[in-house]
């Protein structure tokens, strides 16, 4: 378990999280630190516990064992996979962005320009396309000027062109704002250029580290197959950041997905 001194240097520290649902371990002794300037992509098969882990990192749920520690005063922006809008609800994008926060009109205009939604501000939420809605949700997450942005498969329902545009926008925000990012994504090959660290989750953390090293890891290959490993290998990681991360293994794949 990380020491208190180590934990206070991280934005979020999760230590030995265990979550049991209907007698099954959805998370089994999972530990994860998110530091400043991190860009972490969380991957894993369906049912691996990725969204469950995000909810616990956000302190929306309590684990059966372990704990989550936040840096004091931490501001987190969260982008869900999707939200459902009642078509009869007469709410515009502009109004949605100001709900329950103190953003002023000029602040909203600046944010809208950053995420390229200025033409959408007076559009009803119910009239947005999938890609437009995800950019609006991203804009909403940025209204608190977060130190950490958490995204749960934000491009899952977009076509390939929409995915590329959205991930490019995320990378631009990361570079410009100097915040940290934790993102769940099945499109690892599309975010290779920006991701600093990959964490592979299958109820436990199977492997973690720099993208190019994880792509060669036997645990990764056993879950995602050689095709994904080869696909990742053609995206060289050119950043000059320090990729010295602890590489962890847990070879017990006896549990099924949840």
Protein backbone atom coordinates (compact mmCIF):
# COMPACT_ATOMS: atom_id res chain seq x y z
CA UNK A 1 0.00 0.00 0.00
CA UNK A 2 1.36 3.46 -0.87
CA UNK A 3 2.47 5.58 2.05
CA UNK A 4 0.57 8.70 3.10
CA UNK A 5 3.44 10.82 1.73
CA UNK A 6 3.20 9.14 -1.68
CA UNK A 7 -0.58 9.44 -1.74
CA UNK A 8 -0.56 13.17 -1.09
CA UNK A 9 1.60 13.66 -4.21
CA UNK A 10 -1.03 11.99 -6.39
CA UNK A 11 -4.34 13.44 -7.49
CA UNK A 12 -6.02 10.11 -6.75
CA UNK A 13 -4.63 7.01 -5.05
CA UNK A 14 -6.63 3.79 -5.01
CA UNK A 15 -5.25 1.12 -2.71
CA UNK A 16 -6.23 -2.57 -2.78
CA UNK A 17 -9.79 -2.01 -4.01
CA UNK A 18 -12.05 -5.04 -3.84
CA UNK A 19 -15.67 -4.89 -5.03
CA UNK A 20 -17.96 -7.91 -4.75
CA UNK A 21 -21.24 -8.09 -6.64
CA UNK A 22 -23.52 -11.11 -6.36
CA UNK A 23 -20.70 -13.14 -4.89
CA UNK A 24 -18.24 -12.30 -7.67
CA UNK A 25 -15.17 -10.11 -7.43
CA UNK A 26 -15.70 -7.34 -9.95
CA UNK A 27 -12.52 -5.66 -8.70
CA UNK A 28 -9.90 -7.80 -7.00
CA UNK A 29 -7.21 -5.96 -5.05
CA UNK A 30 -6.82 -3.12 -7.57
CA UNK A 31 -4.37 -0.30 -6.85
CA UNK A 32 -3.90 2.72 -9.12
CA UNK A 33 -2.26 6.13 -8.73
CA UNK A 34 -3.07 9.13 -10.92
CA UNK A 35 -0.42 11.84 -10.78
CA UNK A 36 -0.14 15.29 -12.30
CA UNK A 37 0.46 15.29 -16.06
CA UNK A 38 -0.68 11.67 -16.35
CA UNK A 39 -2.52 10.52 -19.46
CA UNK A 40 -3.71 7.02 -18.62
CA UNK A 41 -5.81 4.84 -20.89
CA UNK A 42 -7.69 2.08 -19.08
CA UNK A 43 -8.44 -0.93 -21.26
CA UNK A 44 -10.02 -4.33 -20.77
CA UNK A 45 -12.72 -6.59 -22.21
CA UNK A 46 -16.42 -5.94 -21.64
CA UNK A 47 -17.37 -6.73 -18.07
CA UNK A 48 -13.81 -6.33 -16.79
CA UNK A 49 -14.84 -3.75 -14.16
CA UNK A 50 -13.66 -0.57 -15.88
CA UNK A 51 -16.75 1.56 -15.20
CA UNK A 52 -16.98 0.13 -11.68
CA UNK A 53 -13.40 1.26 -11.08
CA UNK A 54 -14.16 4.76 -12.38
CA UNK A 55 -17.15 5.07 -10.05
CA UNK A 56 -14.98 4.12 -7.09
CA UNK A 57 -12.20 6.48 -8.13
CA UNK A 58 -14.83 9.24 -8.20
CA UNK A 59 -16.03 8.11 -4.74
CA UNK A 60 -19.54 7.53 -6.07
CA UNK A 61 -19.50 4.03 -4.59
CA UNK A 62 -17.76 2.46 -1.60
CA UNK A 63 -15.58 -0.63 -2.05
CA UNK A 64 -15.93 -3.80 0.01
CA UNK A 65 -12.25 -3.43 0.85
CA UNK A 66 -9.50 -0.91 0.16
CA UNK A 67 -9.73 2.85 -0.08
CA UNK A 68 -9.55 5.82 -2.43
CA UNK A 69 -7.75 9.03 -1.47
CA UNK A 70 -8.15 12.34 -3.30
CA UNK A 71 -5.76 15.26 -3.15
CA UNK A 72 -7.34 17.91 -0.96
CA UNK A 73 -9.53 20.24 -3.02
CA UNK A 74 -9.19 18.13 -6.15
CA UNK A 75 -11.41 19.25 -9.03
CA UNK A 76 -12.49 16.45 -11.36
CA UNK A 77 -14.35 16.70 -14.66
CA UNK A 78 -16.27 13.59 -15.76
CA UNK A 79 -17.46 12.65 -19.25
CA UNK A 80 -19.82 9.65 -19.31
CA UNK A 81 -20.39 7.33 -22.26
CA UNK A 82 -23.71 9.01 -22.94
CA UNK A 83 -26.68 10.68 -21.31
CA UNK A 84 -30.35 10.25 -22.19
CA UNK A 85 -32.26 13.44 -22.93
CA UNK A 86 -36.04 13.54 -22.95
CA UNK A 87 -36.98 14.98 -26.37
CA UNK A 88 -39.75 17.00 -24.72
CA UNK A 89 -37.30 18.73 -22.37
CA UNK A 90 -36.82 22.29 -23.68
CA UNK A 91 -33.20 22.84 -22.70
CA UNK A 92 -30.54 24.35 -24.91
CA UNK A 93 -26.84 23.58 -24.90
CA UNK A 94 -26.15 27.00 -23.36
CA UNK A 95 -28.58 26.36 -20.51
CA UNK A 96 -27.20 22.86 -19.93
CA UNK A 97 -23.68 24.24 -19.55
CA UNK A 98 -24.78 26.71 -16.86
CA UNK A 99 -26.92 24.33 -14.78
CA UNK A 100 -25.73 24.12 -11.17
CA UNK A 101 -22.58 26.13 -11.75
CA UNK A 102 -21.57 29.77 -11.72
CA UNK A 103 -20.17 30.03 -15.24
CA UNK A 104 -20.72 33.45 -16.78
CA UNK A 105 -21.74 34.01 -20.40
CA UNK A 106 -18.24 35.04 -21.51
CA UNK A 107 -16.77 31.95 -19.79
CA UNK A 108 -19.23 29.72 -21.63
CA UNK A 109 -18.33 31.40 -24.92
CA UNK A 110 -14.62 30.77 -24.31
CA UNK A 111 -15.21 27.12 -23.43
CA UNK A 112 -17.47 26.65 -26.45
CA UNK A 113 -14.76 27.99 -28.73
CA UNK A 114 -12.20 25.65 -27.18
CA UNK A 115 -14.35 22.57 -27.84
CA UNK A 116 -15.77 23.81 -31.15
CA UNK A 117 -19.43 23.93 -30.11
CA UNK A 118 -20.09 27.66 -30.54
CA UNK A 119 -22.67 27.08 -33.34
CA UNK A 120 -24.50 24.65 -31.05
CA UNK A 121 -25.07 26.88 -28.02
CA UNK A 122 -28.70 27.67 -28.82
CA UNK A 123 -29.50 24.19 -30.15
CA UNK A 124 -31.80 21.93 -28.08
CA UNK A 125 -29.87 19.09 -26.45
CA UNK A 126 -32.32 16.58 -27.92
CA UNK A 127 -31.37 17.68 -31.45
CA UNK A 128 -27.64 16.97 -31.14
CA UNK A 129 -25.84 14.19 -32.96
CA UNK A 130 -23.75 11.70 -31.01
CA UNK A 131 -20.50 13.52 -31.72
CA UNK A 132 -22.00 16.91 -30.89
CA UNK A 133 -23.36 15.59 -27.59
CA UNK A 134 -19.97 14.20 -26.58
CA UNK A 135 -18.31 17.56 -27.22
CA UNK A 136 -21.03 19.26 -25.16
CA UNK A 137 -20.47 16.77 -22.31
CA UNK A 138 -16.74 17.45 -22.55
CA UNK A 139 -17.39 21.19 -22.40
CA UNK A 140 -19.59 20.70 -19.33
CA UNK A 141 -16.80 18.69 -17.67
CA UNK A 142 -14.37 21.57 -18.26
CA UNK A 143 -16.55 24.23 -16.63
CA UNK A 144 -14.95 23.58 -13.22
CA UNK A 145 -11.43 24.00 -14.66
CA UNK A 146 -10.55 20.48 -13.48
CA UNK A 147 -7.13 19.18 -12.56
CA UNK A 148 -8.23 15.70 -13.65
CA UNK A 149 -10.50 14.72 -16.54
CA UNK A 150 -12.07 11.25 -16.40
CA UNK A 151 -13.73 9.90 -19.56
CA UNK A 152 -15.67 6.63 -19.79
CA UNK A 153 -15.47 5.38 -23.40
CA UNK A 154 -16.43 8.85 -24.68
CA UNK A 155 -16.17 7.93 -28.37
CA UNK A 156 -17.88 4.55 -28.18
CA UNK A 157 -20.90 5.55 -30.27
CA UNK A 158 -19.08 7.65 -32.86
CA UNK A 159 -17.98 6.66 -36.35
CA UNK A 160 -14.26 6.43 -37.11
CA UNK A 161 -14.01 10.03 -38.31
CA UNK A 162 -15.86 11.22 -35.19
CA UNK A 163 -13.56 9.17 -32.97
CA UNK A 164 -10.45 10.67 -34.55
CA UNK A 165 -11.79 14.20 -34.16
CA UNK A 166 -12.78 13.64 -30.55
CA UNK A 167 -9.46 12.07 -29.55
CA UNK A 168 -7.58 14.87 -31.30
CA UNK A 169 -9.60 17.37 -29.27
CA UNK A 170 -8.79 15.50 -26.04
CA UNK A 171 -5.08 15.56 -26.83
CA UNK A 172 -5.22 19.30 -27.59
CA UNK A 173 -6.96 19.96 -24.27
CA UNK A 174 -4.40 17.84 -22.44
CA UNK A 175 -1.50 19.74 -23.94
CA UNK A 176 -3.08 23.18 -23.54
CA UNK A 177 -4.51 22.87 -20.05
CA UNK A 178 -1.76 20.74 -18.50
CA UNK A 179 -4.32 18.63 -16.69
CA UNK A 180 -4.31 14.87 -16.06
CA UNK A 181 -6.51 12.43 -17.95
CA UNK A 182 -7.85 8.97 -17.17
CA UNK A 183 -9.79 7.54 -20.09
CA UNK A 184 -11.48 4.21 -20.70
CA UNK A 185 -11.19 3.38 -24.39
CA UNK A 186 -11.45 0.40 -26.71
CA UNK A 187 -9.72 2.46 -29.39
CA UNK A 188 -6.22 2.19 -27.97
CA UNK A 189 -4.56 2.39 -31.39
CA UNK A 190 -6.25 5.77 -31.93
CA UNK A 191 -4.95 7.31 -28.68
CA UNK A 192 -1.44 5.87 -28.81
CA UNK A 193 0.11 9.24 -29.68
CA UNK A 194 -1.15 10.89 -26.50
CA UNK A 195 -1.37 8.08 -23.97
CA UNK A 196 1.53 8.03 -21.50
CA UNK A 197 0.48 4.89 -19.66
CA UNK A 198 -1.84 1.97 -20.35
CA UNK A 199 -3.52 -0.01 -17.59
CA UNK A 200 -5.07 -3.33 -18.61
CA UNK A 201 -7.87 -4.40 -16.27
CA UNK A 202 -9.59 -7.76 -16.06
CA UNK A 203 -11.02 -7.59 -12.54
CA UNK A 204 -7.39 -7.21 -11.44
CA UNK A 205 -4.63 -5.18 -13.10
CA UNK A 206 -3.10 -7.57 -15.61
CA UNK A 207 -0.35 -5.26 -16.83
CA UNK A 208 0.51 -1.59 -16.94
CA UNK A 209 3.15 0.66 -18.40
CA UNK A 210 4.06 2.56 -21.54
CA UNK A 211 1.86 1.63 -24.54
CA UNK A 212 4.65 -0.02 -26.51
CA UNK A 213 5.67 -2.22 -23.59
CA UNK A 214 2.09 -3.23 -22.76
CA UNK A 215 1.53 -4.23 -26.40
CA UNK A 216 4.30 -6.82 -26.00
CA UNK A 217 3.07 -8.12 -22.66
CA UNK A 218 1.83 -11.75 -22.69
CA UNK A 219 -1.13 -10.77 -20.49
CA UNK A 220 -2.22 -8.11 -23.00
CA UNK A 221 -1.84 -10.49 -25.94
CA UNK A 222 -3.80 -13.22 -24.14
CA UNK A 223 -6.76 -10.84 -23.69
CA UNK A 224 -6.69 -8.78 -26.89
CA UNK A 225 -4.87 -11.09 -29.29
CA UNK A 226 -1.90 -10.70 -31.59
CA UNK A 227 -3.79 -8.54 -34.09
CA UNK A 228 -4.30 -5.72 -31.59
CA UNK A 229 -0.70 -6.05 -30.40
CA UNK A 230 0.55 -5.74 -33.99
CA UNK A 231 -1.80 -2.80 -34.66
CA UNK A 232 -0.42 -0.94 -31.64
CA UNK A 233 3.14 -1.70 -32.70
CA UNK A 234 2.79 0.43 -35.86
CA UNK A 235 2.02 3.54 -33.79
CA UNK A 236 5.42 4.57 -32.40
CA UNK A 237 5.25 6.50 -29.14
CA UNK A 238 7.39 9.59 -29.71
CA UNK A 239 6.96 11.53 -26.48
CA UNK A 240 10.06 12.18 -24.43
CA UNK A 241 8.35 11.54 -21.10
CA UNK A 242 9.70 9.14 -18.54
CA UNK A 243 7.98 5.80 -19.03
CA UNK A 244 9.46 4.05 -16.02
CA UNK A 245 6.37 2.43 -14.57
CA UNK A 246 5.98 -0.59 -12.41
CA UNK A 247 4.96 -3.54 -14.55
CA UNK A 248 2.55 -5.81 -12.72
CA UNK A 249 1.29 -9.26 -13.55
CA UNK A 250 -1.46 -11.43 -12.20
CA UNK A 251 -1.99 -14.64 -14.09
CA UNK A 252 -5.23 -15.79 -12.49
CA UNK A 253 -7.90 -15.53 -15.19
CA UNK A 254 -10.22 -17.98 -13.48
CA UNK A 255 -13.10 -15.52 -13.10
CA UNK A 256 -15.63 -14.80 -15.78
CA UNK A 257 -16.72 -11.36 -16.82
CA UNK A 258 -19.47 -9.52 -15.00
